[in-house]
Amino acid sequence: MPKACEQCTAGRQKVEIGDEVSIKVPQKEADIVVVFDTALEKGLTVVTEIVNELRKDLRAQGVSDVQVVAIGFSSKDRYFSIYTTKGKLDFKGKFESLRGSGVPEEETVVTGNSEIDDFVEELKRGRQQNMEDLSLSPDARAFQKALNYPFRATATKTILAVRGSGIPYSLNPVSCL
């Protein structure tokens, strides 16, 4: 193990490998990133209720500064969306009213020749599988964005994920997901 990885600090205290240390959980601030499938539409009412309940429960425990970031994706859109309230990332609204606003995936060209159309459809399925295997699909990129979100250092951190379908399974052993 590299020497730089053999020790770290918790506050002002140096921590060696095998040492136990207690840290304080942030008491006043919380960051919640919600990643959701916009295809759920009215089903997103549950997400609104969960977020409102989280805000209320955290407020009751003395956490007064709660910021919610909304990241939406759709399998029909090429990109994910980050929703804001008045230009600020702290989302205050109803999730069920949000729609995918991205660029839709391109429609497959139909030539009328069944052999060519079948070949083009097979290429499209292969592309879709590769996108999922390489974590380039809209949902995978939305989840990556949530994982890489710049949470405030002094805040409790939470990621809430809501999908409209199951997690795709890949037979590819080098799949990134």
Protein backbone atom coordinates (compact mmCIF):
# COMPACT_ATOMS: atom_id res chain seq x y z
CA MET A 1 0.00 0.00 0.00
CA PRO A 2 1.38 3.46 -0.83
CA LYS A 3 2.61 5.41 2.22
CA ALA A 4 0.22 8.26 1.40
CA CYS A 5 -2.70 5.85 1.94
CA GLU A 6 -1.43 4.53 5.28
CA GLN A 7 -2.70 7.46 7.31
CA CYS A 8 -5.35 10.11 7.15
CA THR A 9 -6.82 12.74 9.40
CA ALA A 10 -10.17 13.06 11.11
CA GLY A 11 -10.36 16.69 12.14
CA ARG A 12 -6.99 17.40 13.78
CA GLN A 13 -6.43 13.78 14.78
CA LYS A 14 -4.07 11.58 12.73
CA VAL A 15 -5.48 8.12 12.05
CA GLU A 16 -3.29 5.11 11.31
CA ILE A 17 -4.35 1.81 9.70
CA GLY A 18 -6.36 -0.23 12.20
CA ASP A 19 -7.17 2.75 14.44
CA GLU A 20 -10.77 3.39 15.36
CA VAL A 21 -12.08 6.92 15.25
CA SER A 22 -15.42 8.57 15.85
CA ILE A 23 -16.59 11.47 13.77
CA LYS A 24 -19.53 13.78 14.22
CA VAL A 25 -22.32 13.62 11.71
CA PRO A 26 -23.16 17.10 10.43
CA GLN A 27 -26.02 18.47 12.52
CA LYS A 28 -27.23 21.59 10.69
CA GLU A 29 -27.04 20.88 6.94
CA ALA A 30 -28.14 18.12 4.59
CA ASP A 31 -27.70 17.61 0.85
CA ILE A 32 -30.11 15.23 -0.88
CA VAL A 33 -29.64 14.29 -4.54
CA VAL A 34 -32.73 12.72 -6.11
CA VAL A 35 -32.16 10.79 -9.35
CA PHE A 36 -35.44 9.81 -10.99
CA ASP A 37 -36.95 8.47 -14.19
CA THR A 38 -39.16 11.14 -15.77
CA ALA A 39 -41.15 8.38 -17.49
CA LEU A 40 -42.83 7.70 -14.14
CA GLU A 41 -44.83 10.96 -14.53
CA LYS A 42 -47.69 10.75 -11.97
CA GLY A 43 -45.79 8.03 -10.08
CA LEU A 44 -43.32 10.74 -9.10
CA THR A 45 -45.90 11.94 -6.56
CA VAL A 46 -44.31 9.43 -4.19
CA VAL A 47 -40.91 11.10 -4.66
CA THR A 48 -42.41 14.50 -3.81
CA GLU A 49 -43.96 13.02 -0.67
CA ILE A 50 -40.69 11.32 0.36
CA VAL A 51 -38.67 14.52 -0.12
CA ASN A 52 -41.23 16.59 1.79
CA GLU A 53 -41.23 14.02 4.60
CA LEU A 54 -37.40 14.03 4.67
CA ARG A 55 -37.35 17.82 4.90
CA LYS A 56 -39.89 17.73 7.75
CA ASP A 57 -38.07 14.96 9.67
CA LEU A 58 -34.69 16.65 9.28
CA ARG A 59 -36.14 19.97 10.41
CA ALA A 60 -37.57 18.20 13.49
CA GLN A 61 -34.06 16.90 14.28
CA GLY A 62 -32.57 20.39 14.04
CA VAL A 63 -31.22 20.18 10.49
CA SER A 64 -32.36 23.55 9.24
CA ASP A 65 -30.51 23.82 5.90
CA VAL A 66 -31.71 21.07 3.54
CA GLN A 67 -30.85 21.32 -0.15
CA VAL A 68 -32.44 18.97 -2.68
CA VAL A 69 -30.93 18.48 -6.14
CA ALA A 70 -33.18 16.93 -8.81
CA ILE A 71 -31.60 14.93 -11.65
CA GLY A 72 -34.04 13.41 -14.14
CA PHE A 73 -33.45 10.94 -16.95
CA SER A 74 -35.49 9.12 -19.55
CA SER A 75 -34.56 6.21 -21.77
CA LYS A 76 -36.13 8.15 -24.65
CA ASP A 77 -33.83 11.15 -24.20
CA ARG A 78 -30.18 11.30 -25.09
CA TYR A 79 -29.17 13.33 -22.02
CA PHE A 80 -30.22 13.66 -18.38
CA SER A 81 -31.62 16.91 -16.96
CA ILE A 82 -30.81 18.86 -13.81
CA TYR A 83 -33.84 20.77 -12.53
CA THR A 84 -33.53 24.05 -10.67
CA THR A 85 -35.75 26.51 -8.83
CA LYS A 86 -35.18 30.12 -9.93
CA GLY A 87 -31.75 29.15 -11.26
CA LYS A 88 -30.59 27.56 -7.99
CA LEU A 89 -29.83 23.86 -7.64
CA ASP A 90 -31.93 23.64 -4.46
CA PHE A 91 -35.10 22.20 -6.04
CA LYS A 92 -38.38 23.20 -4.42
CA GLY A 93 -41.24 21.86 -6.45
CA LYS A 94 -43.29 18.85 -7.40
CA PHE A 95 -41.43 16.04 -9.11
CA GLU A 96 -44.56 14.79 -10.89
CA SER A 97 -44.70 18.01 -12.94
CA LEU A 98 -41.19 17.49 -14.34
CA ARG A 99 -40.72 16.17 -17.85
CA GLY A 100 -37.67 15.13 -19.78
CA SER A 101 -36.43 18.15 -21.67
CA GLY A 102 -33.53 16.54 -23.44
CA VAL A 103 -32.84 15.75 -27.05
CA PRO A 104 -34.86 12.65 -27.99
CA GLU A 105 -33.12 9.63 -29.44
CA GLU A 106 -33.16 9.56 -33.22
CA GLU A 107 -35.82 7.54 -34.97
CA THR A 108 -34.70 4.51 -36.96
CA VAL A 109 -34.87 4.98 -40.71
CA VAL A 110 -37.27 2.60 -42.47
CA THR A 111 -36.30 1.79 -46.05
CA GLY A 112 -39.05 -0.67 -46.91
CA ASN A 113 -36.47 -3.38 -47.62
CA SER A 114 -36.93 -5.96 -44.85
CA GLU A 115 -33.31 -7.17 -44.95
CA ILE A 116 -31.91 -3.65 -44.59
CA ASP A 117 -34.50 -2.70 -41.96
CA ASP A 118 -33.69 -5.84 -39.93
CA PHE A 119 -29.97 -5.07 -40.17
CA VAL A 120 -30.49 -1.45 -39.06
CA GLU A 121 -32.66 -2.62 -36.15
CA GLU A 122 -29.94 -5.10 -35.11
CA LEU A 123 -27.36 -2.29 -35.21
CA LYS A 124 -29.64 -0.16 -33.03
CA ARG A 125 -30.00 -2.96 -30.46
CA GLY A 126 -26.23 -3.48 -30.44
CA ARG A 127 -25.63 0.23 -29.94
CA GLN A 128 -28.11 0.30 -27.06
CA GLN A 129 -26.43 -2.70 -25.40
CA ASN A 130 -23.00 -1.10 -25.80
CA MET A 131 -24.28 2.14 -24.28
CA GLU A 132 -25.55 0.22 -21.25
CA ASP A 133 -22.38 -1.89 -20.96
CA LEU A 134 -20.14 1.20 -21.06
CA SER A 135 -22.36 3.20 -18.66
CA LEU A 136 -23.16 5.76 -21.33
CA SER A 137 -26.95 5.43 -21.19
CA PRO A 138 -28.90 8.43 -19.81
CA ASP A 139 -29.70 6.67 -16.52
CA ALA A 140 -26.09 5.57 -15.96
CA ARG A 141 -24.82 9.10 -16.63
CA ALA A 142 -27.45 10.54 -14.27
CA PHE A 143 -26.35 8.18 -11.50
CA GLN A 144 -22.69 9.03 -12.18
CA LYS A 145 -23.56 12.72 -11.89
CA ALA A 146 -25.21 12.06 -8.52
CA LEU A 147 -22.20 10.11 -7.26
CA ASN A 148 -19.86 12.91 -8.36
CA TYR A 149 -22.07 15.72 -7.05
CA PRO A 150 -20.07 18.36 -5.13
CA PHE A 151 -21.78 17.92 -1.77
CA ARG A 152 -21.13 20.59 0.83
CA ALA A 153 -18.35 19.45 3.14
CA THR A 154 -20.37 20.30 6.25
CA ALA A 155 -23.58 18.55 5.18
CA THR A 156 -25.05 15.10 5.65
CA LYS A 157 -25.11 13.47 2.20
CA THR A 158 -27.89 11.32 0.72
CA ILE A 159 -28.66 10.00 -2.77
CA LEU A 160 -32.21 8.84 -3.46
CA ALA A 161 -32.70 6.87 -6.70
CA VAL A 162 -36.08 6.14 -8.29
CA ARG A 163 -36.23 4.01 -11.46
CA GLY A 164 -39.21 3.26 -13.66
CA SER A 165 -37.84 -0.13 -14.72
CA GLY A 166 -35.45 -2.77 -13.48
CA ILE A 167 -31.71 -2.48 -13.68
CA PRO A 168 -30.55 -3.88 -17.03
CA TYR A 169 -28.50 -7.04 -16.84
CA SER A 170 -25.61 -7.49 -19.20
CA LEU A 171 -24.02 -10.76 -20.29
CA ASN A 172 -20.88 -8.80 -21.05
CA PRO A 173 -18.32 -9.58 -18.30
CA VAL A 174 -16.57 -6.20 -18.75
CA SER A 175 -19.75 -4.19 -18.31
CA CYS A 176 -19.13 -0.98 -16.36
CA LEU A 177 -22.33 -1.14 -14.34
